């Protein structure tokens, strides 16, 4: 007959600090999510104060480009990238054929669903102890 027993972990003591046992249950995905949240916060602060960082420069450039396009549309000054937008604003009916048809929507949804299933099948699952 076997006897089972065990210890219940209440607190962790490490280099002078005391932690709750929940800290030991973090997965690599949890750590990555927390890191990315910090990166997003840093980028948001940098964007708000217009300070260029590696995380904020692409967004600052995209916003600057949007402002240039808006100025081009509102004035007579034209840049190559704004010509199609100005043409669309003059006559939107020219671009009606470019809009997706209603019958294409179910096919696109089915294709996206198949892609999600394929990605889920090929996803790498990290063990909890890794």
N, C-alpha and C. Protein backbone atom coordinates (compact mmCIF):
# COMPACT_ATOMS: atom_id res chain seq x y z
N UNK A 1 0.83 -1.18 0.00
CA UNK A 1 0.00 0.00 0.00
C UNK A 1 0.88 1.24 0.00
N UNK A 2 0.52 2.19 -0.92
CA UNK A 2 1.32 3.41 -1.02
C UNK A 2 0.73 4.52 -0.15
N UNK A 3 1.61 5.34 0.33
CA UNK A 3 1.19 6.50 1.10
C UNK A 3 1.63 7.73 0.32
N UNK A 4 0.68 8.59 0.01
CA UNK A 4 0.99 9.81 -0.73
C UNK A 4 1.00 10.99 0.22
N UNK A 5 1.95 11.83 0.03
CA UNK A 5 2.03 13.04 0.84
C UNK A 5 2.67 14.13 0.02
N UNK A 6 2.69 15.29 0.52
CA UNK A 6 3.30 16.38 -0.22
C UNK A 6 3.38 17.63 0.64
N UNK A 7 4.01 18.64 0.06
CA UNK A 7 4.15 19.92 0.75
C UNK A 7 3.29 20.96 0.03
N UNK A 8 2.74 21.83 0.80
CA UNK A 8 1.99 22.94 0.22
C UNK A 8 2.86 24.18 0.32
N UNK A 9 3.18 24.75 -0.82
CA UNK A 9 4.05 25.92 -0.89
C UNK A 9 3.24 27.16 -0.54
N UNK A 10 3.67 27.89 0.46
CA UNK A 10 2.93 29.09 0.89
C UNK A 10 3.62 30.36 0.44
N UNK A 11 4.97 30.40 0.51
CA UNK A 11 5.73 31.56 0.09
C UNK A 11 7.08 31.10 -0.42
N UNK A 12 7.68 31.93 -1.27
CA UNK A 12 9.00 31.63 -1.82
C UNK A 12 9.96 32.71 -1.34
N UNK A 13 11.10 32.28 -0.81
CA UNK A 13 12.13 33.20 -0.36
C UNK A 13 13.30 33.10 -1.32
N UNK A 14 13.66 34.22 -1.97
CA UNK A 14 14.75 34.20 -2.94
C UNK A 14 15.54 35.49 -2.81
N UNK A 15 16.80 35.40 -2.43
CA UNK A 15 17.74 36.51 -2.33
C UNK A 15 17.16 37.68 -1.55
N UNK A 16 16.57 37.38 -0.43
CA UNK A 16 16.06 38.42 0.45
C UNK A 16 14.66 38.91 0.14
N UNK A 17 14.03 38.36 -0.87
CA UNK A 17 12.66 38.77 -1.22
C UNK A 17 11.71 37.60 -1.01
N UNK A 18 10.48 37.93 -0.62
CA UNK A 18 9.47 36.90 -0.41
C UNK A 18 8.39 37.08 -1.48
N UNK A 19 8.06 35.99 -2.17
CA UNK A 19 7.08 36.01 -3.25
C UNK A 19 5.95 35.04 -2.95
N UNK A 20 4.81 35.30 -3.58
CA UNK A 20 3.69 34.36 -3.53
C UNK A 20 4.00 33.19 -4.46
N UNK A 21 3.45 32.03 -4.25
CA UNK A 21 3.74 30.88 -5.12
C UNK A 21 3.21 31.03 -6.54
N UNK A 22 2.31 32.00 -6.78
CA UNK A 22 1.78 32.22 -8.14
C UNK A 22 2.91 32.56 -9.11
N UNK A 23 3.99 33.16 -8.60
CA UNK A 23 5.10 33.56 -9.45
C UNK A 23 5.70 32.34 -10.15
N UNK A 24 5.65 31.20 -9.50
CA UNK A 24 6.24 29.99 -10.09
C UNK A 24 5.39 29.42 -11.21
N UNK A 25 4.14 29.85 -11.35
CA UNK A 25 3.25 29.32 -12.36
C UNK A 25 3.29 30.11 -13.67
N UNK A 26 4.20 31.06 -13.82
CA UNK A 26 4.29 31.84 -15.05
C UNK A 26 4.82 30.97 -16.18
N UNK A 27 4.17 31.06 -17.33
CA UNK A 27 4.64 30.35 -18.51
C UNK A 27 5.43 31.32 -19.38
N UNK A 28 6.19 30.82 -20.34
CA UNK A 28 6.90 31.74 -21.25
C UNK A 28 5.94 32.67 -21.99
N UNK A 29 4.73 32.20 -22.28
CA UNK A 29 3.75 33.05 -22.95
C UNK A 29 3.33 34.21 -22.05
N UNK A 30 3.19 33.94 -20.74
CA UNK A 30 2.83 35.00 -19.80
C UNK A 30 3.92 36.06 -19.73
N UNK A 31 5.16 35.60 -19.66
CA UNK A 31 6.29 36.53 -19.58
C UNK A 31 6.37 37.36 -20.86
N UNK A 32 6.19 36.71 -22.01
CA UNK A 32 6.23 37.42 -23.29
C UNK A 32 5.10 38.44 -23.37
N UNK A 33 3.91 38.08 -22.91
CA UNK A 33 2.77 39.00 -22.93
C UNK A 33 3.03 40.22 -22.05
N UNK A 34 3.61 40.00 -20.89
CA UNK A 34 3.92 41.12 -19.99
C UNK A 34 4.99 42.02 -20.60
N UNK A 35 5.99 41.41 -21.24
CA UNK A 35 7.05 42.19 -21.89
C UNK A 35 6.46 43.04 -23.02
N UNK A 36 5.60 42.42 -23.85
CA UNK A 36 5.03 43.16 -24.97
C UNK A 36 4.10 44.28 -24.48
N UNK A 37 3.42 44.08 -23.37
CA UNK A 37 2.59 45.15 -22.80
C UNK A 37 3.48 46.33 -22.40
N UNK A 38 4.64 46.03 -21.83
CA UNK A 38 5.58 47.10 -21.49
C UNK A 38 6.10 47.83 -22.71
N UNK A 39 6.39 47.09 -23.77
CA UNK A 39 6.86 47.70 -25.02
C UNK A 39 5.77 48.61 -25.59
N UNK A 40 4.51 48.12 -25.57
CA UNK A 40 3.41 48.94 -26.08
C UNK A 40 3.25 50.21 -25.25
N UNK A 41 3.38 50.10 -23.94
CA UNK A 41 3.26 51.28 -23.09
C UNK A 41 4.39 52.27 -23.35
N UNK A 42 5.60 51.77 -23.51
CA UNK A 42 6.73 52.64 -23.80
C UNK A 42 6.55 53.33 -25.15
N UNK A 43 6.08 52.59 -26.14
CA UNK A 43 5.85 53.18 -27.46
C UNK A 43 4.74 54.23 -27.39
N UNK A 44 3.70 53.96 -26.62
CA UNK A 44 2.59 54.92 -26.50
C UNK A 44 3.06 56.22 -25.85
N UNK A 45 3.87 56.11 -24.81
CA UNK A 45 4.39 57.31 -24.15
C UNK A 45 5.31 58.06 -25.10
N UNK A 46 6.18 57.34 -25.80
CA UNK A 46 7.10 57.98 -26.74
C UNK A 46 6.33 58.67 -27.87
N UNK A 47 5.26 58.04 -28.34
CA UNK A 47 4.47 58.67 -29.39
C UNK A 47 3.75 59.91 -28.88
N UNK A 48 3.25 59.84 -27.67
CA UNK A 48 2.50 60.97 -27.12
C UNK A 48 3.38 62.20 -26.96
N UNK A 49 4.63 62.00 -26.59
CA UNK A 49 5.53 63.14 -26.40
C UNK A 49 6.41 63.39 -27.62
N UNK A 50 6.12 62.66 -28.73
CA UNK A 50 6.87 62.80 -29.99
C UNK A 50 8.36 62.56 -29.81
N UNK A 51 8.68 61.55 -29.03
CA UNK A 51 10.07 61.17 -28.81
C UNK A 51 10.36 59.90 -29.61
N UNK A 52 11.32 59.94 -30.53
CA UNK A 52 11.56 58.76 -31.38
C UNK A 52 12.29 57.64 -30.62
N UNK A 53 11.70 56.47 -30.65
CA UNK A 53 12.33 55.26 -30.15
C UNK A 53 12.15 54.19 -31.22
N UNK A 54 12.80 53.05 -31.05
CA UNK A 54 12.67 51.97 -32.03
C UNK A 54 11.22 51.53 -32.16
N UNK A 55 10.50 51.53 -31.06
CA UNK A 55 9.11 51.09 -31.09
C UNK A 55 8.17 52.16 -31.64
N UNK A 56 8.50 53.44 -31.49
CA UNK A 56 7.56 54.48 -31.89
C UNK A 56 7.81 55.07 -33.27
N UNK A 57 9.02 54.92 -33.81
CA UNK A 57 9.34 55.54 -35.10
C UNK A 57 8.41 55.07 -36.23
N UNK A 58 8.12 53.77 -36.38
CA UNK A 58 7.21 53.39 -37.47
C UNK A 58 5.84 54.07 -37.35
N UNK A 59 5.32 54.19 -36.14
CA UNK A 59 4.02 54.83 -35.96
C UNK A 59 4.11 56.34 -36.22
N UNK A 60 5.19 56.97 -35.76
CA UNK A 60 5.37 58.39 -36.01
C UNK A 60 5.47 58.67 -37.50
N UNK A 61 6.19 57.81 -38.23
CA UNK A 61 6.32 57.99 -39.68
C UNK A 61 4.98 57.79 -40.39
N UNK A 62 4.22 56.79 -39.97
CA UNK A 62 2.91 56.56 -40.58
C UNK A 62 1.98 57.73 -40.32
N UNK A 63 1.99 58.25 -39.11
CA UNK A 63 1.15 59.41 -38.79
C UNK A 63 1.58 60.64 -39.58
N UNK A 64 2.87 60.83 -39.74
CA UNK A 64 3.37 61.96 -40.52
C UNK A 64 2.94 61.82 -41.98
N UNK A 65 3.01 60.59 -42.52
CA UNK A 65 2.60 60.37 -43.90
C UNK A 65 1.10 60.64 -44.07
N UNK A 66 0.29 60.23 -43.09
CA UNK A 66 -1.15 60.52 -43.16
C UNK A 66 -1.40 62.03 -43.18
N UNK A 67 -0.63 62.77 -42.38
CA UNK A 67 -0.78 64.23 -42.36
C UNK A 67 -0.39 64.84 -43.69
N UNK A 68 0.67 64.32 -44.31
CA UNK A 68 1.10 64.83 -45.63
C UNK A 68 0.03 64.54 -46.67
N UNK A 69 -0.55 63.33 -46.64
CA UNK A 69 -1.63 63.01 -47.57
C UNK A 69 -2.82 63.94 -47.38
N UNK A 70 -3.17 64.20 -46.13
CA UNK A 70 -4.30 65.09 -45.86
C UNK A 70 -4.03 66.49 -46.38
N UNK A 71 -2.82 66.99 -46.19
CA UNK A 71 -2.47 68.31 -46.72
C UNK A 71 -2.53 68.33 -48.24
N UNK A 72 -2.06 67.27 -48.85
CA UNK A 72 -2.07 67.19 -50.31
C UNK A 72 -3.49 67.19 -50.85
N UNK A 73 -4.38 66.48 -50.17
CA UNK A 73 -5.77 66.42 -50.63
C UNK A 73 -6.45 67.77 -50.44
N UNK A 74 -6.15 68.46 -49.37
CA UNK A 74 -6.82 69.73 -49.06
C UNK A 74 -6.27 70.91 -49.85
N UNK A 75 -5.08 70.77 -50.43
CA UNK A 75 -4.47 71.88 -51.17
C UNK A 75 -4.25 71.46 -52.62
N UNK A 76 -3.70 72.36 -53.40
CA UNK A 76 -3.40 72.07 -54.80
C UNK A 76 -2.06 71.36 -54.97
N UNK A 77 -1.30 71.27 -53.90
CA UNK A 77 0.00 70.59 -53.96
C UNK A 77 -0.23 69.08 -54.06
N UNK A 78 0.39 68.44 -55.05
CA UNK A 78 0.17 67.01 -55.27
C UNK A 78 1.47 66.25 -55.15
N UNK A 79 1.39 65.11 -54.48
CA UNK A 79 2.50 64.16 -54.45
C UNK A 79 2.01 62.88 -55.11
N UNK A 80 2.95 62.08 -55.57
CA UNK A 80 2.60 60.87 -56.32
C UNK A 80 1.69 59.94 -55.51
N UNK A 81 1.96 59.79 -54.24
CA UNK A 81 1.21 58.87 -53.39
C UNK A 81 -0.24 59.33 -53.18
N UNK A 82 -0.51 60.63 -53.35
CA UNK A 82 -1.86 61.15 -53.10
C UNK A 82 -2.71 61.24 -54.36
N UNK A 83 -2.13 60.97 -55.52
CA UNK A 83 -2.89 61.12 -56.78
C UNK A 83 -4.09 60.20 -56.83
N UNK A 84 -3.94 58.94 -56.43
CA UNK A 84 -5.05 57.99 -56.48
C UNK A 84 -6.15 58.40 -55.50
N UNK A 85 -5.76 58.91 -54.35
CA UNK A 85 -6.76 59.34 -53.37
C UNK A 85 -7.54 60.54 -53.90
N UNK A 86 -6.83 61.49 -54.54
CA UNK A 86 -7.51 62.65 -55.11
C UNK A 86 -8.45 62.23 -56.23
N UNK A 87 -8.02 61.29 -57.04
CA UNK A 87 -8.86 60.79 -58.12
C UNK A 87 -10.12 60.13 -57.56
N UNK A 88 -9.97 59.37 -56.50
CA UNK A 88 -11.12 58.72 -55.87
C UNK A 88 -12.09 59.75 -55.31
N UNK A 89 -11.56 60.79 -54.67
CA UNK A 89 -12.43 61.81 -54.10
C UNK A 89 -13.18 62.60 -55.17
N UNK A 90 -12.57 62.75 -56.35
CA UNK A 90 -13.25 63.44 -57.44
C UNK A 90 -14.41 62.62 -57.99
N UNK A 91 -14.19 61.29 -58.18
CA UNK A 91 -15.22 60.44 -58.76
C UNK A 91 -15.16 59.04 -58.15
N UNK A 92 -15.87 58.80 -57.04
CA UNK A 92 -15.83 57.48 -56.39
C UNK A 92 -16.43 56.36 -57.24
N UNK A 93 -17.27 56.69 -58.21
CA UNK A 93 -17.89 55.64 -59.03
C UNK A 93 -16.88 54.89 -59.88
N UNK A 94 -15.73 55.49 -60.17
CA UNK A 94 -14.69 54.79 -60.94
C UNK A 94 -14.15 53.58 -60.19
N UNK A 95 -14.20 53.62 -58.88
CA UNK A 95 -13.61 52.58 -58.06
C UNK A 95 -14.64 51.58 -57.54
N UNK A 96 -15.88 51.67 -58.01
CA UNK A 96 -16.93 50.78 -57.52
C UNK A 96 -16.63 49.33 -57.86
N UNK A 97 -15.98 49.06 -58.99
CA UNK A 97 -15.67 47.68 -59.37
C UNK A 97 -14.58 47.08 -58.50
N UNK A 98 -13.81 47.90 -57.85
CA UNK A 98 -12.73 47.40 -56.99
C UNK A 98 -13.25 46.89 -55.66
N UNK A 99 -14.47 47.25 -55.30
CA UNK A 99 -15.03 46.81 -54.02
C UNK A 99 -15.35 45.31 -54.08
N UNK A 100 -15.11 44.55 -53.01
CA UNK A 100 -15.42 43.12 -53.03
C UNK A 100 -16.93 42.89 -53.11
N UNK A 101 -17.31 41.86 -53.82
CA UNK A 101 -18.72 41.55 -53.95
C UNK A 101 -19.20 40.78 -52.73
N UNK A 102 -20.50 40.73 -52.55
CA UNK A 102 -21.07 40.04 -51.39
C UNK A 102 -20.81 38.54 -51.46
N UNK A 103 -20.80 37.97 -52.66
CA UNK A 103 -20.57 36.53 -52.79
C UNK A 103 -19.15 36.14 -52.43
N UNK A 104 -18.23 37.08 -52.45
CA UNK A 104 -16.84 36.77 -52.10
C UNK A 104 -16.65 36.70 -50.59
N UNK A 105 -17.55 37.30 -49.84
CA UNK A 105 -17.39 37.33 -48.38
C UNK A 105 -17.42 35.94 -47.75
N UNK A 106 -18.40 35.05 -48.08
CA UNK A 106 -18.37 33.71 -47.46
C UNK A 106 -17.13 32.91 -47.85
N UNK A 107 -16.68 33.06 -49.08
CA UNK A 107 -15.48 32.34 -49.51
C UNK A 107 -14.25 32.82 -48.73
N UNK A 108 -14.16 34.12 -48.52
CA UNK A 108 -13.03 34.67 -47.75
C UNK A 108 -13.09 34.21 -46.30
N UNK A 109 -14.29 34.15 -45.73
CA UNK A 109 -14.42 33.69 -44.35
C UNK A 109 -14.04 32.22 -44.23
N UNK A 110 -14.45 31.41 -45.20
CA UNK A 110 -14.09 29.98 -45.17
C UNK A 110 -12.59 29.80 -45.32
N UNK A 111 -11.98 30.60 -46.18
CA UNK A 111 -10.53 30.51 -46.37
C UNK A 111 -9.80 30.90 -45.08
N UNK A 112 -10.26 31.95 -44.41
CA UNK A 112 -9.64 32.37 -43.14
C UNK A 112 -9.81 31.29 -42.08
N UNK A 113 -10.96 30.63 -42.05
CA UNK A 113 -11.20 29.57 -41.07
C UNK A 113 -10.26 28.40 -41.31
N UNK A 114 -10.08 28.02 -42.60
CA UNK A 114 -9.15 26.92 -42.93
C UNK A 114 -7.73 27.30 -42.53
N UNK A 115 -7.35 28.55 -42.74
CA UNK A 115 -6.00 29.00 -42.40
C UNK A 115 -5.79 28.94 -40.88
N UNK A 116 -6.81 29.38 -40.10
CA UNK A 116 -6.70 29.32 -38.64
C UNK A 116 -6.53 27.88 -38.16
N UNK A 117 -7.32 26.96 -38.77
CA UNK A 117 -7.20 25.56 -38.37
C UNK A 117 -5.81 25.02 -38.68
N UNK A 118 -5.28 25.37 -39.86
CA UNK A 118 -3.95 24.90 -40.24
C UNK A 118 -2.90 25.45 -39.29
N UNK A 119 -3.04 26.72 -38.91
CA UNK A 119 -2.07 27.32 -37.98
C UNK A 119 -2.15 26.67 -36.61
N UNK A 120 -3.37 26.35 -36.16
CA UNK A 120 -3.51 25.69 -34.87
C UNK A 120 -2.90 24.30 -34.88
N UNK A 121 -3.02 23.58 -36.01
CA UNK A 121 -2.44 22.24 -36.09
C UNK A 121 -0.91 22.30 -36.06
N UNK A 122 -0.34 23.36 -36.66
CA UNK A 122 1.11 23.43 -36.76
C UNK A 122 1.75 24.23 -35.65
N UNK A 123 0.94 24.76 -34.72
CA UNK A 123 1.48 25.58 -33.63
C UNK A 123 2.39 24.73 -32.73
N UNK A 124 3.43 25.36 -32.28
CA UNK A 124 4.36 24.69 -31.36
C UNK A 124 3.87 24.94 -29.95
N UNK A 125 3.65 23.90 -29.22
CA UNK A 125 3.17 24.02 -27.84
C UNK A 125 4.37 23.87 -26.92
N UNK A 126 4.60 24.88 -26.09
CA UNK A 126 5.71 24.83 -25.14
C UNK A 126 5.28 24.10 -23.90
N UNK A 127 6.08 23.17 -23.41
CA UNK A 127 5.72 22.52 -22.14
C UNK A 127 5.83 23.52 -21.00
N UNK A 128 5.10 23.28 -19.94
CA UNK A 128 5.07 24.20 -18.81
C UNK A 128 6.41 24.28 -18.10
N UNK A 129 7.22 23.26 -18.23
CA UNK A 129 8.49 23.25 -17.50
C UNK A 129 9.61 23.83 -18.32
N UNK A 130 9.37 24.20 -19.58
CA UNK A 130 10.44 24.73 -20.45
C UNK A 130 10.78 26.14 -20.08
